[in-house]
């Protein structure tokens, strides 16, 4: 896949992933957790271990096995990441910790969706994903990234919009995320494929693009869930950090 795609897209994929992790760790650092530096360090170690594991499986071709069901990437990449998010919601101390995360920092995370969508368009041009997964197809997720700075300015800087506006924005952007995730899943070269029959979604099975479904999407999803959890809690107001 490296030879097929070239080194520039690979560099871009690595850079976007590192930016996502940086913004997520920044939201931990700006939280009101008891020891945010210690928590951030533990999360960083875990994330880089997870990155290395996913990179190894993507680079080795372990995920590019299109004959076995369920897909390896679901069992060993996407599944564990989503189970971890579920554990945060179920485990009371972790769930309470979400209330201490900084809303503005969580909103900044969604800016990464701009380079992600530009990267997807490049991969489409390189014939490794279908057009349906880009903004020229049925993927409008770039709007989430473009509107994130606007929401930050309106709500946290100018304070001309309120809590309900941020709740609505998170719900809309969450729907856009679900849309591209489902499009990506049904573009994979498996029996359930519905889109991109002539040009299926193969890039996400290789390093470093495997980090998109196993790292970037879970971080973005968690940011929406944490934001909504905090916004909908009775104890929270936008005046609070």
C-alpha atoms as a PDB file:
ATOM      1  CA  UNK A   1       0.000   0.000   0.000  1.00  0.00           C
ATOM      2  CA  UNK A   2       2.910   2.388   0.705  1.00  0.00           C
ATOM      3  CA  UNK A   3       4.209   2.020  -2.844  1.00  0.00           C
ATOM      4  CA  UNK A   4       0.718   2.292  -4.275  1.00  0.00           C
ATOM      5  CA  UNK A   5      -0.159   5.462  -2.392  1.00  0.00           C
ATOM      6  CA  UNK A   6       3.188   7.249  -2.064  1.00  0.00           C
ATOM      7  CA  UNK A   7       4.878   8.910   0.873  1.00  0.00           C
ATOM      8  CA  UNK A   8       3.119  12.304   0.928  1.00  0.00           C
ATOM      9  CA  UNK A   9      -0.325  10.890   1.837  1.00  0.00           C
ATOM     10  CA  UNK A  10       1.376   8.667   4.431  1.00  0.00           C
ATOM     11  CA  UNK A  11       3.043  11.708   6.006  1.00  0.00           C
ATOM     12  CA  UNK A  12      -0.274  13.581   5.966  1.00  0.00           C
ATOM     13  CA  UNK A  13      -2.035  10.625   7.633  1.00  0.00           C
ATOM     14  CA  UNK A  14       0.567  10.488  10.408  1.00  0.00           C
ATOM     15  CA  UNK A  15       0.422  14.272  10.937  1.00  0.00           C
ATOM     16  CA  UNK A  16      -3.393  14.325  11.210  1.00  0.00           C
ATOM     17  CA  UNK A  17      -3.354  11.497  13.749  1.00  0.00           C
ATOM     18  CA  UNK A  18      -0.722  13.224  15.889  1.00  0.00           C
ATOM     19  CA  UNK A  19      -2.720  16.472  15.718  1.00  0.00           C
ATOM     20  CA  UNK A  20      -5.821  14.615  16.923  1.00  0.00           C
ATOM     21  CA  UNK A  21      -3.937  13.150  19.876  1.00  0.00           C
ATOM     22  CA  UNK A  22      -2.386  16.530  20.707  1.00  0.00           C
ATOM     23  CA  UNK A  23      -5.787  18.239  20.807  1.00  0.00           C
ATOM     24  CA  UNK A  24      -7.276  15.429  22.882  1.00  0.00           C
ATOM     25  CA  UNK A  25      -4.430  15.553  25.407  1.00  0.00           C
ATOM     26  CA  UNK A  26      -4.850  19.325  25.534  1.00  0.00           C
ATOM     27  CA  UNK A  27      -8.479  18.831  26.574  1.00  0.00           C
ATOM     28  CA  UNK A  28      -7.204  16.637  29.423  1.00  0.00           C
ATOM     29  CA  UNK A  29      -4.593  19.220  30.430  1.00  0.00           C
ATOM     30  CA  UNK A  30      -7.234  21.979  30.591  1.00  0.00           C
ATOM     31  CA  UNK A  31      -9.670  19.845  32.582  1.00  0.00           C
ATOM     32  CA  UNK A  32     -10.480  20.179  36.257  1.00  0.00           C
ATOM     33  CA  UNK A  33      -9.434  16.609  37.018  1.00  0.00           C
ATOM     34  CA  UNK A  34      -7.609  16.118  40.298  1.00  0.00           C
ATOM     35  CA  UNK A  35      -4.256  15.532  38.589  1.00  0.00           C
ATOM     36  CA  UNK A  36      -4.632  16.317  34.863  1.00  0.00           C
ATOM     37  CA  UNK A  37      -0.892  16.018  34.145  1.00  0.00           C
ATOM     38  CA  UNK A  38      -0.763  12.492  35.591  1.00  0.00           C
ATOM     39  CA  UNK A  39      -3.966  11.464  33.819  1.00  0.00           C
ATOM     40  CA  UNK A  40      -2.749  12.940  30.551  1.00  0.00           C
ATOM     41  CA  UNK A  41       0.540  11.041  30.821  1.00  0.00           C
ATOM     42  CA  UNK A  42      -1.234   7.716  31.390  1.00  0.00           C
ATOM     43  CA  UNK A  43      -3.610   8.352  28.477  1.00  0.00           C
ATOM     44  CA  UNK A  44      -0.700   9.356  26.234  1.00  0.00           C
ATOM     45  CA  UNK A  45       1.176   6.131  27.014  1.00  0.00           C
ATOM     46  CA  UNK A  46      -1.943   4.074  26.306  1.00  0.00           C
ATOM     47  CA  UNK A  47      -2.658   5.937  23.056  1.00  0.00           C
ATOM     48  CA  UNK A  48       0.863   5.493  21.712  1.00  0.00           C
ATOM     49  CA  UNK A  49       0.767   1.793  22.574  1.00  0.00           C
ATOM     50  CA  UNK A  50      -2.542   1.551  20.699  1.00  0.00           C
ATOM     51  CA  UNK A  51      -1.083   3.508  17.773  1.00  0.00           C
ATOM     52  CA  UNK A  52       1.906   1.162  17.568  1.00  0.00           C
ATOM     53  CA  UNK A  53      -0.287  -1.937  17.703  1.00  0.00           C
ATOM     54  CA  UNK A  54      -2.636  -0.677  14.997  1.00  0.00           C
ATOM     55  CA  UNK A  55       0.302   0.463  12.861  1.00  0.00           C
ATOM     56  CA  UNK A  56       1.882  -2.981  13.083  1.00  0.00           C
ATOM     57  CA  UNK A  57      -1.329  -4.727  12.027  1.00  0.00           C
ATOM     58  CA  UNK A  58      -1.950  -2.215   9.246  1.00  0.00           C
ATOM     59  CA  UNK A  59       1.621  -2.354   7.957  1.00  0.00           C
ATOM     60  CA  UNK A  60       1.774  -6.157   8.013  1.00  0.00           C
ATOM     61  CA  UNK A  61      -1.407  -6.568   5.971  1.00  0.00           C
ATOM     62  CA  UNK A  62      -3.227  -8.324   8.828  1.00  0.00           C
ATOM     63  CA  UNK A  63      -6.279  -6.118   8.315  1.00  0.00           C
ATOM     64  CA  UNK A  64      -6.271  -6.515   4.522  1.00  0.00           C
ATOM     65  CA  UNK A  65      -7.848  -9.965   4.713  1.00  0.00           C
ATOM     66  CA  UNK A  66     -11.088  -9.591   2.797  1.00  0.00           C
ATOM     67  CA  UNK A  67     -12.140 -13.232   2.962  1.00  0.00           C
ATOM     68  CA  UNK A  68     -12.824 -13.666   6.687  1.00  0.00           C
ATOM     69  CA  UNK A  69     -15.880 -12.375   8.507  1.00  0.00           C
ATOM     70  CA  UNK A  70     -16.250 -10.473  10.708  1.00  0.00           C
ATOM     71  CA  UNK A  71     -13.479  -8.209   9.364  1.00  0.00           C
ATOM     72  CA  UNK A  72     -10.289  -8.192  11.440  1.00  0.00           C
ATOM     73  CA  UNK A  73     -10.404  -4.414  11.693  1.00  0.00           C
ATOM     74  CA  UNK A  74     -13.762  -4.661  13.491  1.00  0.00           C
ATOM     75  CA  UNK A  75     -12.533  -7.305  15.929  1.00  0.00           C
ATOM     76  CA  UNK A  76      -9.121  -5.891  16.785  1.00  0.00           C
ATOM     77  CA  UNK A  77      -9.335  -2.189  15.964  1.00  0.00           C
ATOM     78  CA  UNK A  78     -12.716  -0.506  15.874  1.00  0.00           C
ATOM     79  CA  UNK A  79     -14.439  -2.856  18.325  1.00  0.00           C
ATOM     80  CA  UNK A  80     -12.020  -2.429  21.262  1.00  0.00           C
ATOM     81  CA  UNK A  81     -11.974   1.353  20.770  1.00  0.00           C
ATOM     82  CA  UNK A  82     -15.753   1.590  20.943  1.00  0.00           C
ATOM     83  CA  UNK A  83     -15.894  -0.806  23.893  1.00  0.00           C
ATOM     84  CA  UNK A  84     -13.508   1.498  25.738  1.00  0.00           C
ATOM     85  CA  UNK A  85     -15.848   4.442  25.149  1.00  0.00           C
ATOM     86  CA  UNK A  86     -18.714   2.304  26.443  1.00  0.00           C
ATOM     87  CA  UNK A  87     -16.642   1.454  29.534  1.00  0.00           C
ATOM     88  CA  UNK A  88     -16.146   5.169  30.222  1.00  0.00           C
ATOM     89  CA  UNK A  89     -19.907   5.655  30.125  1.00  0.00           C
ATOM     90  CA  UNK A  90     -20.603   2.649  32.372  1.00  0.00           C
ATOM     91  CA  UNK A  91     -17.792   2.990  34.917  1.00  0.00           C
ATOM     92  CA  UNK A  92     -18.935   5.691  37.354  1.00  0.00           C
ATOM     93  CA  UNK A  93     -15.557   7.336  38.214  1.00  0.00           C
ATOM     94  CA  UNK A  94     -14.670   7.656  34.517  1.00  0.00           C
ATOM     95  CA  UNK A  95     -18.149   8.904  33.681  1.00  0.00           C
ATOM     96  CA  UNK A  96     -17.868  11.589  36.343  1.00  0.00           C
ATOM     97  CA  UNK A  97     -14.471  12.502  34.956  1.00  0.00           C
ATOM     98  CA  UNK A  98     -16.094  13.506  31.662  1.00  0.00           C
ATOM     99  CA  UNK A  99     -17.859  16.320  33.515  1.00  0.00           C
ATOM    100  CA  UNK A 100     -14.458  17.806  34.306  1.00  0.00           C
ATOM    101  CA  UNK A 101     -13.262  18.027  30.716  1.00  0.00           C
ATOM    102  CA  UNK A 102     -13.000  21.454  29.092  1.00  0.00           C
ATOM    103  CA  UNK A 103     -15.814  22.053  26.588  1.00  0.00           C
ATOM    104  CA  UNK A 104     -13.911  24.548  24.487  1.00  0.00           C
ATOM    105  CA  UNK A 105     -10.975  22.157  24.108  1.00  0.00           C
ATOM    106  CA  UNK A 106     -13.334  19.312  23.205  1.00  0.00           C
ATOM    107  CA  UNK A 107     -14.850  21.500  20.494  1.00  0.00           C
ATOM    108  CA  UNK A 108     -11.418  22.365  19.072  1.00  0.00           C
ATOM    109  CA  UNK A 109     -10.779  18.648  18.458  1.00  0.00           C
ATOM    110  CA  UNK A 110     -13.287  18.677  15.598  1.00  0.00           C
ATOM    111  CA  UNK A 111     -11.058  20.982  13.548  1.00  0.00           C
ATOM    112  CA  UNK A 112      -9.120  17.834  12.566  1.00  0.00           C
ATOM    113  CA  UNK A 113     -12.085  16.862  10.426  1.00  0.00           C
ATOM    114  CA  UNK A 114     -10.962  19.436   7.843  1.00  0.00           C
ATOM    115  CA  UNK A 115      -7.588  17.805   7.033  1.00  0.00           C
ATOM    116  CA  UNK A 116      -9.189  14.363   7.398  1.00  0.00           C
ATOM    117  CA  UNK A 117     -11.687  15.150   4.646  1.00  0.00           C
ATOM    118  CA  UNK A 118      -9.000  16.689   2.439  1.00  0.00           C
ATOM    119  CA  UNK A 119      -6.933  13.553   3.012  1.00  0.00           C
ATOM    120  CA  UNK A 120      -9.875  11.351   2.041  1.00  0.00           C
ATOM    121  CA  UNK A 121     -10.287  13.304  -1.180  1.00  0.00           C
ATOM    122  CA  UNK A 122      -6.606  12.723  -1.958  1.00  0.00           C
ATOM    123  CA  UNK A 123      -7.028   8.996  -1.317  1.00  0.00           C
ATOM    124  CA  UNK A 124     -10.014   9.009  -3.671  1.00  0.00           C
ATOM    125  CA  UNK A 125      -7.833  10.609  -6.345  1.00  0.00           C
ATOM    126  CA  UNK A 126      -5.324   7.804  -5.736  1.00  0.00           C
ATOM    127  CA  UNK A 127      -8.134   5.265  -6.262  1.00  0.00           C
ATOM    128  CA  UNK A 128      -7.951   3.716  -2.789  1.00  0.00           C
ATOM    129  CA  UNK A 129     -11.379   4.832  -1.521  1.00  0.00           C
ATOM    130  CA  UNK A 130     -14.648   5.529  -3.391  1.00  0.00           C
ATOM    131  CA  UNK A 131     -15.999   8.994  -4.175  1.00  0.00           C
ATOM    132  CA  UNK A 132     -18.929   8.364  -1.806  1.00  0.00           C
ATOM    133  CA  UNK A 133     -16.491   8.741   1.112  1.00  0.00           C
ATOM    134  CA  UNK A 134     -15.505  12.286   0.066  1.00  0.00           C
ATOM    135  CA  UNK A 135     -17.183  15.689   0.139  1.00  0.00           C
ATOM    136  CA  UNK A 136     -17.801  15.324  -3.601  1.00  0.00           C
ATOM    137  CA  UNK A 137     -19.865  12.236  -2.788  1.00  0.00           C
ATOM    138  CA  UNK A 138     -22.072  11.623   0.256  1.00  0.00           C
ATOM    139  CA  UNK A 139     -19.677  12.755   3.000  1.00  0.00           C
ATOM    140  CA  UNK A 140     -20.401  16.215   4.445  1.00  0.00           C
ATOM    141  CA  UNK A 141     -18.329  15.800   7.605  1.00  0.00           C
ATOM    142  CA  UNK A 142     -16.000  18.621   6.577  1.00  0.00           C
ATOM    143  CA  UNK A 143     -18.777  20.992   7.680  1.00  0.00           C
ATOM    144  CA  UNK A 144     -18.147  19.896  11.270  1.00  0.00           C
ATOM    145  CA  UNK A 145     -14.526  20.995  11.062  1.00  0.00           C
ATOM    146  CA  UNK A 146     -15.315  24.250   9.286  1.00  0.00           C
ATOM    147  CA  UNK A 147     -17.993  25.261  11.796  1.00  0.00           C
ATOM    148  CA  UNK A 148     -16.061  24.273  14.947  1.00  0.00           C
ATOM    149  CA  UNK A 149     -14.058  27.567  15.125  1.00  0.00           C
ATOM    150  CA  UNK A 150     -17.290  29.497  14.488  1.00  0.00           C
ATOM    151  CA  UNK A 151     -19.013  27.747  17.395  1.00  0.00           C
ATOM    152  CA  UNK A 152     -16.029  28.436  19.653  1.00  0.00           C
ATOM    153  CA  UNK A 153     -16.113  32.116  18.720  1.00  0.00           C
ATOM    154  CA  UNK A 154     -19.883  32.472  19.139  1.00  0.00           C
ATOM    155  CA  UNK A 155     -20.167  30.502  22.392  1.00  0.00           C
ATOM    156  CA  UNK A 156     -16.877  30.820  24.268  1.00  0.00           C
ATOM    157  CA  UNK A 157     -15.471  34.103  22.971  1.00  0.00           C
ATOM    158  CA  UNK A 158     -18.328  36.400  21.975  1.00  0.00           C
ATOM    159  CA  UNK A 159     -20.898  34.508  24.115  1.00  0.00           C
ATOM    160  CA  UNK A 160     -23.701  35.380  21.711  1.00  0.00           C
ATOM    161  CA  UNK A 161     -24.954  31.780  21.491  1.00  0.00           C
ATOM    162  CA  UNK A 162     -26.016  29.544  24.338  1.00  0.00           C
ATOM    163  CA  UNK A 163     -25.972  25.998  25.610  1.00  0.00           C
ATOM    164  CA  UNK A 164     -28.748  24.782  23.302  1.00  0.00           C
ATOM    165  CA  UNK A 165     -26.809  25.930  20.236  1.00  0.00           C
ATOM    166  CA  UNK A 166     -23.803  23.840  21.257  1.00  0.00           C
ATOM    167  CA  UNK A 167     -26.023  20.838  21.994  1.00  0.00           C
ATOM    168  CA  UNK A 168     -27.651  21.139  18.556  1.00  0.00           C
ATOM    169  CA  UNK A 169     -24.267  21.534  16.843  1.00  0.00           C
ATOM    170  CA  UNK A 170     -22.884  18.435  18.558  1.00  0.00           C
ATOM    171  CA  UNK A 171     -25.935  16.381  17.579  1.00  0.00           C
ATOM    172  CA  UNK A 172     -25.771  17.508  13.939  1.00  0.00           C
ATOM    173  CA  UNK A 173     -22.034  16.832  13.724  1.00  0.00           C
ATOM    174  CA  UNK A 174     -22.521  13.467  15.403  1.00  0.00           C
ATOM    175  CA  UNK A 175     -25.058  12.588  12.694  1.00  0.00           C
ATOM    176  CA  UNK A 176     -22.522  13.611  10.035  1.00  0.00           C
ATOM    177  CA  UNK A 177     -19.938  11.367  11.696  1.00  0.00           C
ATOM    178  CA  UNK A 178     -22.328   8.408  11.744  1.00  0.00           C
ATOM    179  CA  UNK A 179     -23.073   9.034   8.058  1.00  0.00           C
ATOM    180  CA  UNK A 180     -19.430   8.799   6.941  1.00  0.00           C
ATOM    181  CA  UNK A 181     -18.714   5.847   9.234  1.00  0.00           C
ATOM    182  CA  UNK A 182     -21.601   3.873   7.712  1.00  0.00           C
ATOM    183  CA  UNK A 183     -20.566   4.940   4.221  1.00  0.00           C
ATOM    184  CA  UNK A 184     -17.006   3.766   4.904  1.00  0.00           C
ATOM    185  CA  UNK A 185     -18.203   0.434   6.311  1.00  0.00           C
ATOM    186  CA  UNK A 186     -20.474  -0.260   3.345  1.00  0.00           C
ATOM    187  CA  UNK A 187     -17.668   0.680   0.954  1.00  0.00           C
ATOM    188  CA  UNK A 188     -15.377  -2.083   2.223  1.00  0.00           C
ATOM    189  CA  UNK A 189     -14.714  -5.022  -0.141  1.00  0.00           C
ATOM    190  CA  UNK A 190     -16.848  -7.504   1.777  1.00  0.00           C
ATOM    191  CA  UNK A 191     -20.154  -9.213   0.920  1.00  0.00           C
ATOM    192  CA  UNK A 192     -22.056  -6.357   2.624  1.00  0.00           C
ATOM    193  CA  UNK A 193     -20.528  -3.726   0.304  1.00  0.00           C
ATOM    194  CA  UNK A 194     -23.052  -1.220  -1.099  1.00  0.00           C
ATOM    195  CA  UNK A 195     -20.882   1.682  -2.326  1.00  0.00           C
ATOM    196  CA  UNK A 196     -17.759   2.010  -4.468  1.00  0.00           C
ATOM    197  CA  UNK A 197     -18.121  -1.315  -6.183  1.00  0.00           C
ATOM    198  CA  UNK A 198     -15.477  -0.383  -8.768  1.00  0.00           C
ATOM    199  CA  UNK A 199     -13.242   1.472  -6.310  1.00  0.00           C
ATOM    200  CA  UNK A 200     -13.766   0.080  -2.786  1.00  0.00           C
ATOM    201  CA  UNK A 201     -12.513   1.417   0.514  1.00  0.00           C
ATOM    202  CA  UNK A 202      -9.128  -0.260   0.924  1.00  0.00           C
ATOM    203  CA  UNK A 203      -6.907   2.532   2.276  1.00  0.00           C
ATOM    204  CA  UNK A 204      -8.165   2.243   5.867  1.00  0.00           C
ATOM    205  CA  UNK A 205      -6.773  -1.275   6.137  1.00  0.00           C
ATOM    206  CA  UNK A 206      -3.182  -0.068   5.688  1.00  0.00           C
ATOM    207  CA  UNK A 207      -0.719   2.019   7.705  1.00  0.00           C
ATOM    208  CA  UNK A 208      -1.168   4.875   8.585  1.00  0.00           C
ATOM    209  CA  UNK A 209      -4.764   5.222   7.400  1.00  0.00           C
ATOM    210  CA  UNK A 210      -5.817   2.411   9.713  1.00  0.00           C
ATOM    211  CA  UNK A 211      -5.539   5.061  12.437  1.00  0.00           C
ATOM    212  CA  UNK A 212      -8.594   6.833  11.005  1.00  0.00           C
ATOM    213  CA  UNK A 213     -11.181   4.229  12.142  1.00  0.00           C
ATOM    214  CA  UNK A 214      -9.197   2.999  15.170  1.00  0.00           C
ATOM    215  CA  UNK A 215      -7.959   6.291  16.660  1.00  0.00           C
ATOM    216  CA  UNK A 216      -9.287   9.459  15.025  1.00  0.00           C
ATOM    217  CA  UNK A 217     -12.955   8.456  14.727  1.00  0.00           C
ATOM    218  CA  UNK A 218     -13.118   7.128  18.333  1.00  0.00           C
ATOM    219  CA  UNK A 219     -11.524  10.351  19.655  1.00  0.00           C
ATOM    220  CA  UNK A 220     -13.962  12.508  17.673  1.00  0.00           C
ATOM    221  CA  UNK A 221     -16.899  10.346  18.791  1.00  0.00           C
ATOM    222  CA  UNK A 222     -15.787  10.504  22.422  1.00  0.00           C
ATOM    223  CA  UNK A 223     -15.462  14.295  22.168  1.00  0.00           C
ATOM    224  CA  UNK A 224     -19.095  14.555  21.065  1.00  0.00           C
ATOM    225  CA  UNK A 225     -20.285  12.162  23.781  1.00  0.00           C
ATOM    226  CA  UNK A 226     -18.281  13.926  26.505  1.00  0.00           C
ATOM    227  CA  UNK A 227     -19.521  17.342  25.349  1.00  0.00           C
ATOM    228  CA  UNK A 228     -23.160  16.253  25.272  1.00  0.00           C
ATOM    229  CA  UNK A 229     -22.842  14.464  28.606  1.00  0.00           C
ATOM    230  CA  UNK A 230     -21.494  17.640  30.172  1.00  0.00           C
ATOM    231  CA  UNK A 231     -23.965  19.972  28.444  1.00  0.00           C
ATOM    232  CA  UNK A 232     -26.952  17.851  29.443  1.00  0.00           C
ATOM    233  CA  UNK A 233     -25.875  17.449  33.066  1.00  0.00           C
ATOM    234  CA  UNK A 234     -27.835  19.470  35.617  1.00  0.00           C
ATOM    235  CA  UNK A 235     -24.684  20.755  37.289  1.00  0.00           C
ATOM    236  CA  UNK A 236     -23.190  22.339  34.172  1.00  0.00           C
ATOM    237  CA  UNK A 237     -23.476  25.807  32.690  1.00  0.00           C
ATOM    238  CA  UNK A 238     -21.394  27.384  29.927  1.00  0.00           C
ATOM    239  CA  UNK A 239     -19.883  29.720  32.495  1.00  0.00           C
ATOM    240  CA  UNK A 240     -18.111  26.731  33.953  1.00  0.00           C
ATOM    241  CA  UNK A 241     -14.911  25.291  32.547  1.00  0.00           C
END
